[in-house]
C-alpha atoms as a PDB file:
ATOM      1  CA  UNK A   1     -25.480 -18.017 -27.599  1.00  0.00           C
ATOM      2  CA  UNK A   2     -22.711 -20.480 -26.817  1.00  0.00           C
ATOM      3  CA  UNK A   3     -19.047 -19.772 -27.474  1.00  0.00           C
ATOM      4  CA  UNK A   4     -17.641 -21.768 -30.373  1.00  0.00           C
ATOM      5  CA  UNK A   5     -14.286 -22.450 -28.811  1.00  0.00           C
ATOM      6  CA  UNK A   6     -11.998 -21.648 -25.950  1.00  0.00           C
ATOM      7  CA  UNK A   7      -9.288 -19.063 -26.110  1.00  0.00           C
ATOM      8  CA  UNK A   8      -6.061 -19.659 -24.197  1.00  0.00           C
ATOM      9  CA  UNK A   9      -3.704 -16.854 -23.305  1.00  0.00           C
ATOM     10  CA  UNK A  10      -0.120 -17.847 -22.662  1.00  0.00           C
ATOM     11  CA  UNK A  11       1.650 -15.135 -20.669  1.00  0.00           C
ATOM     12  CA  UNK A  12       4.539 -17.197 -19.347  1.00  0.00           C
ATOM     13  CA  UNK A  13       7.056 -15.351 -21.508  1.00  0.00           C
ATOM     14  CA  UNK A  14       5.820 -11.863 -20.616  1.00  0.00           C
ATOM     15  CA  UNK A  15       8.303  -9.589 -18.853  1.00  0.00           C
ATOM     16  CA  UNK A  16       6.242  -7.471 -16.459  1.00  0.00           C
ATOM     17  CA  UNK A  17       8.405  -4.920 -14.651  1.00  0.00           C
ATOM     18  CA  UNK A  18       7.185  -3.530 -11.342  1.00  0.00           C
ATOM     19  CA  UNK A  19      10.272  -1.424 -10.777  1.00  0.00           C
ATOM     20  CA  UNK A  20      12.067  -0.927  -7.508  1.00  0.00           C
ATOM     21  CA  UNK A  21      10.264  -1.065  -4.206  1.00  0.00           C
ATOM     22  CA  UNK A  22      10.253   2.187  -2.247  1.00  0.00           C
ATOM     23  CA  UNK A  23       9.535   2.975   1.385  1.00  0.00           C
ATOM     24  CA  UNK A  24       7.837   5.852   3.114  1.00  0.00           C
ATOM     25  CA  UNK A  25       7.448   6.538   6.848  1.00  0.00           C
ATOM     26  CA  UNK A  26       4.280   7.849   8.445  1.00  0.00           C
ATOM     27  CA  UNK A  27       3.682   8.990  12.010  1.00  0.00           C
ATOM     28  CA  UNK A  28       0.133   7.943  12.884  1.00  0.00           C
ATOM     29  CA  UNK A  29      -1.446   8.704  16.237  1.00  0.00           C
ATOM     30  CA  UNK A  30      -2.724   5.737  18.288  1.00  0.00           C
ATOM     31  CA  UNK A  31      -1.263   3.206  15.843  1.00  0.00           C
ATOM     32  CA  UNK A  32      -1.077   0.588  18.599  1.00  0.00           C
ATOM     33  CA  UNK A  33      -4.880   0.257  18.637  1.00  0.00           C
ATOM     34  CA  UNK A  34      -6.417  -2.476  16.517  1.00  0.00           C
ATOM     35  CA  UNK A  35      -9.066  -0.303  14.871  1.00  0.00           C
ATOM     36  CA  UNK A  36      -6.376   2.110  13.629  1.00  0.00           C
ATOM     37  CA  UNK A  37      -4.347  -0.779  12.199  1.00  0.00           C
ATOM     38  CA  UNK A  38      -7.474  -2.035  10.465  1.00  0.00           C
ATOM     39  CA  UNK A  39      -8.128   1.401   8.961  1.00  0.00           C
ATOM     40  CA  UNK A  40      -4.554   1.558   7.652  1.00  0.00           C
ATOM     41  CA  UNK A  41      -4.918  -1.852   6.041  1.00  0.00           C
ATOM     42  CA  UNK A  42      -8.305  -0.948   4.574  1.00  0.00           C
ATOM     43  CA  UNK A  43      -6.801   2.191   3.008  1.00  0.00           C
ATOM     44  CA  UNK A  44      -3.624   0.882   1.429  1.00  0.00           C
ATOM     45  CA  UNK A  45      -3.194  -2.790   2.297  1.00  0.00           C
ATOM     46  CA  UNK A  46      -4.133  -4.194  -1.093  1.00  0.00           C
ATOM     47  CA  UNK A  47      -1.836  -1.831  -2.989  1.00  0.00           C
ATOM     48  CA  UNK A  48       1.330  -2.151  -0.901  1.00  0.00           C
ATOM     49  CA  UNK A  49       4.029  -4.747  -0.557  1.00  0.00           C
ATOM     50  CA  UNK A  50       4.510  -4.511   3.209  1.00  0.00           C
ATOM     51  CA  UNK A  51       3.222  -2.441   6.141  1.00  0.00           C
ATOM     52  CA  UNK A  52       5.370  -2.369   9.297  1.00  0.00           C
ATOM     53  CA  UNK A  53       3.876  -0.910  12.463  1.00  0.00           C
ATOM     54  CA  UNK A  54       6.177   0.293  15.263  1.00  0.00           C
ATOM     55  CA  UNK A  55       3.812   1.138  18.143  1.00  0.00           C
ATOM     56  CA  UNK A  56       6.471   2.535  20.522  1.00  0.00           C
ATOM     57  CA  UNK A  57       7.296   5.451  18.218  1.00  0.00           C
ATOM     58  CA  UNK A  58       3.912   5.535  16.407  1.00  0.00           C
ATOM     59  CA  UNK A  59       5.707   4.896  13.100  1.00  0.00           C
ATOM     60  CA  UNK A  60       4.332   3.027  10.120  1.00  0.00           C
ATOM     61  CA  UNK A  61       6.808   2.012   7.406  1.00  0.00           C
ATOM     62  CA  UNK A  62       5.120   1.285   4.089  1.00  0.00           C
ATOM     63  CA  UNK A  63       6.934  -0.579   1.299  1.00  0.00           C
ATOM     64  CA  UNK A  64       5.310  -0.096  -2.096  1.00  0.00           C
ATOM     65  CA  UNK A  65       5.864  -0.193  -5.853  1.00  0.00           C
ATOM     66  CA  UNK A  66       5.604   3.288  -7.323  1.00  0.00           C
ATOM     67  CA  UNK A  67       3.887   1.916 -10.443  1.00  0.00           C
ATOM     68  CA  UNK A  68       0.969   0.732  -8.292  1.00  0.00           C
ATOM     69  CA  UNK A  69       0.496   3.418  -5.607  1.00  0.00           C
ATOM     70  CA  UNK A  70       2.064   6.763  -4.717  1.00  0.00           C
ATOM     71  CA  UNK A  71       2.611   8.456  -1.341  1.00  0.00           C
ATOM     72  CA  UNK A  72       0.195  11.236  -2.278  1.00  0.00           C
ATOM     73  CA  UNK A  73      -2.529   8.653  -2.944  1.00  0.00           C
ATOM     74  CA  UNK A  74      -1.752   7.058   0.444  1.00  0.00           C
ATOM     75  CA  UNK A  75      -2.159  10.506   2.022  1.00  0.00           C
ATOM     76  CA  UNK A  76      -5.505  10.894   0.273  1.00  0.00           C
ATOM     77  CA  UNK A  77      -6.709   7.491   1.493  1.00  0.00           C
ATOM     78  CA  UNK A  78      -5.647   8.272   5.071  1.00  0.00           C
ATOM     79  CA  UNK A  79      -7.532  11.581   4.905  1.00  0.00           C
ATOM     80  CA  UNK A  80     -10.669   9.795   3.716  1.00  0.00           C
ATOM     81  CA  UNK A  81     -10.483   7.429   6.707  1.00  0.00           C
ATOM     82  CA  UNK A  82      -9.870  10.404   9.025  1.00  0.00           C
ATOM     83  CA  UNK A  83      -6.496   9.172  10.302  1.00  0.00           C
ATOM     84  CA  UNK A  84      -4.262  11.669  12.102  1.00  0.00           C
ATOM     85  CA  UNK A  85      -0.978  11.219  10.235  1.00  0.00           C
ATOM     86  CA  UNK A  86       2.194  12.933   9.098  1.00  0.00           C
ATOM     87  CA  UNK A  87       4.458  11.741   6.305  1.00  0.00           C
ATOM     88  CA  UNK A  88       8.058  11.940   7.511  1.00  0.00           C
ATOM     89  CA  UNK A  89      10.354  10.928   4.660  1.00  0.00           C
ATOM     90  CA  UNK A  90      11.104   8.355   2.019  1.00  0.00           C
ATOM     91  CA  UNK A  91      13.754   5.810   2.910  1.00  0.00           C
ATOM     92  CA  UNK A  92      14.691   4.439  -0.491  1.00  0.00           C
END
């Protein structure tokens, strides 16, 4: 069965609101190692805006939109990947 015509969707005038970006800090053991960085990205990389890794203090600063992902879901994903982490605080 062939379609009879094409349908075009014009969404140029749509006003999609993501809200404000928020940040959360995690302390993750051995964050300087490449396999740990890869695990972090595999867990939350597609859902976040930015992931900053500070190896000297083992801190990971995650910038995210709260309409897309929440810190509790990030915690859950880190637990599934068996990362040793601690959520410190939210910056914004």
